[in-house]
Protein backbone atom coordinates (compact mmCIF):
# COMPACT_ATOMS: atom_id res chain seq x y z
CA MET A 1 -4.34 -11.60 6.96
CA THR A 2 -7.10 -9.57 8.54
CA ARG A 3 -9.95 -8.53 6.25
CA PRO A 4 -10.16 -4.80 5.49
CA SER A 5 -12.75 -2.54 7.04
CA LYS A 6 -15.17 -0.54 4.92
CA LYS A 7 -14.60 2.77 6.74
CA ARG A 8 -12.75 5.63 5.04
CA LEU A 9 -9.07 5.35 5.77
CA PHE A 10 -7.45 7.93 3.53
CA PRO A 11 -7.69 11.68 4.03
CA GLU A 12 -9.30 13.56 1.14
CA PRO A 13 -7.73 14.65 -1.09
CA ILE A 14 -5.06 11.98 -0.98
CA LYS A 15 -1.62 13.52 -0.47
CA PHE A 16 1.78 11.96 0.07
CA ASN A 17 4.75 12.81 2.27
CA TRP A 18 7.94 11.10 1.11
CA ASP A 19 11.03 10.40 3.16
CA GLU A 20 13.77 10.54 0.51
CA GLY A 21 15.60 7.63 2.10
CA ASN A 22 12.55 5.39 1.70
CA ALA A 23 11.95 6.53 -1.87
CA ASP A 24 15.53 5.68 -2.84
CA LYS A 25 15.42 2.41 -0.88
CA ASN A 26 12.28 1.25 -2.68
CA TRP A 27 13.83 1.94 -6.06
CA LEU A 28 17.22 0.38 -5.25
CA ARG A 29 15.87 -2.74 -3.53
CA HIS A 30 12.65 -3.38 -5.42
CA HIS A 31 12.67 -1.16 -8.55
CA VAL A 32 9.43 0.51 -7.44
CA SER A 33 9.17 4.23 -8.17
CA GLN A 34 7.31 6.81 -6.10
CA SER A 35 4.65 7.20 -8.76
CA GLU A 36 4.04 3.44 -8.94
CA SER A 37 3.69 3.31 -5.15
CA GLU A 38 1.24 6.20 -5.17
CA PHE A 39 -0.86 4.82 -8.01
CA VAL A 40 -2.13 1.82 -6.02
CA PHE A 41 -3.95 4.25 -3.69
CA PHE A 42 -5.98 5.66 -6.61
CA ASN A 43 -6.63 2.39 -8.44
CA GLU A 44 -9.38 -0.09 -7.63
CA PRO A 45 -9.52 -2.62 -6.27
CA LYS A 46 -7.13 -2.17 -3.40
CA PHE A 47 -6.92 -4.30 -0.29
CA VAL A 48 -5.97 -2.27 2.82
CA PHE A 49 -5.49 -3.69 6.29
CA ASN A 50 -3.69 -3.03 9.58
CA ASP A 51 -0.08 -4.14 9.89
CA THR A 52 -0.28 -5.26 13.50
CA THR A 53 3.17 -6.85 13.38
CA HIS A 54 4.97 -3.54 12.79
CA SER A 55 2.58 -1.06 14.47
CA LYS A 56 4.60 -0.39 17.60
CA ILE A 57 4.99 3.40 17.61
CA GLU A 58 2.61 4.52 14.86
CA LYS A 59 -0.34 2.67 13.37
CA ARG A 60 0.93 1.04 10.19
CA PHE A 61 -1.08 -0.25 7.24
CA ILE A 62 -0.56 -2.42 4.19
CA CYS A 63 -2.10 -1.79 0.80
CA LEU A 64 -2.17 -4.50 -1.86
CA GLY A 65 -3.01 -3.12 -5.28
CA LYS A 66 -2.20 -2.80 -8.96
CA THR A 67 -0.41 -0.09 -10.89
CA LYS A 68 -1.76 1.23 -14.19
CA GLN A 69 0.72 -1.11 -15.91
CA GLY A 70 -0.80 -4.09 -14.06
CA ARG A 71 2.07 -4.59 -11.62
CA TYR A 72 0.89 -6.06 -8.29
CA LEU A 73 2.41 -4.16 -5.36
CA PHE A 74 2.61 -4.49 -1.59
CA VAL A 75 2.87 -1.02 -0.02
CA SER A 76 3.49 -0.48 3.69
CA PHE A 77 2.52 2.99 4.95
CA ILE A 78 1.48 5.22 7.82
CA ILE A 79 -0.76 8.28 7.88
CA ARG A 80 1.01 11.28 9.35
CA ASP A 81 -0.29 14.85 9.29
CA GLN A 82 -3.18 13.80 7.03
CA LYS A 83 -0.73 12.49 4.40
CA ILE A 84 0.22 8.98 3.32
CA ARG A 85 3.86 8.23 4.10
CA VAL A 86 5.10 5.16 2.22
CA ILE A 87 7.53 3.06 4.22
CA SER A 88 8.16 0.26 1.76
CA ALA A 89 6.92 -0.81 -1.66
CA ARG A 90 7.66 -4.06 -3.46
CA ASP A 91 6.11 -6.71 -5.67
CA MET A 92 3.57 -8.94 -3.92
CA THR A 93 4.63 -12.42 -2.85
CA SER A 94 2.67 -15.33 -4.31
CA ARG A 95 0.68 -15.61 -1.05
CA GLU A 96 -0.16 -11.88 -1.08
CA HIS A 97 -1.15 -12.17 -4.73
CA GLN A 98 -3.53 -15.04 -3.86
CA GLU A 99 -5.09 -12.95 -1.05
CA PHE A 100 -5.49 -10.01 -3.44
CA ASP A 101 -7.09 -12.19 -6.12
CA LYS A 102 -9.50 -13.60 -3.53
CA TYR A 103 -10.39 -10.10 -2.30
CA GLU A 104 -10.81 -8.86 -5.89
CA LYS A 105 -13.22 -11.70 -6.73
CA GLU A 106 -15.24 -11.15 -3.56
CA ASN A 107 -15.54 -7.40 -4.14
CA SER A 108 -16.06 -7.06 -7.89
């Protein structure tokens, strides 16, 4: 995984634009609600990097972070019209969790 940059990525204030199909898909496939997905963008630490594998039409990003309940989530998103548009949200894999733990230790 590519290390995150320190520049500001998110528009201020942070706003979300939800595609209802993606919101339902995330709940049905992964039991991740919209509010859980959104929370990782407000919680620290969060590990954000480019998703070069899937950035064909629009620049896509990945955010690894924790919810207020301590759930570790992987959130794929784009920024469109100055709003975060979540594409997918799920629990982190063990490898992603290791990367997040490493990033958290290096940046705390």
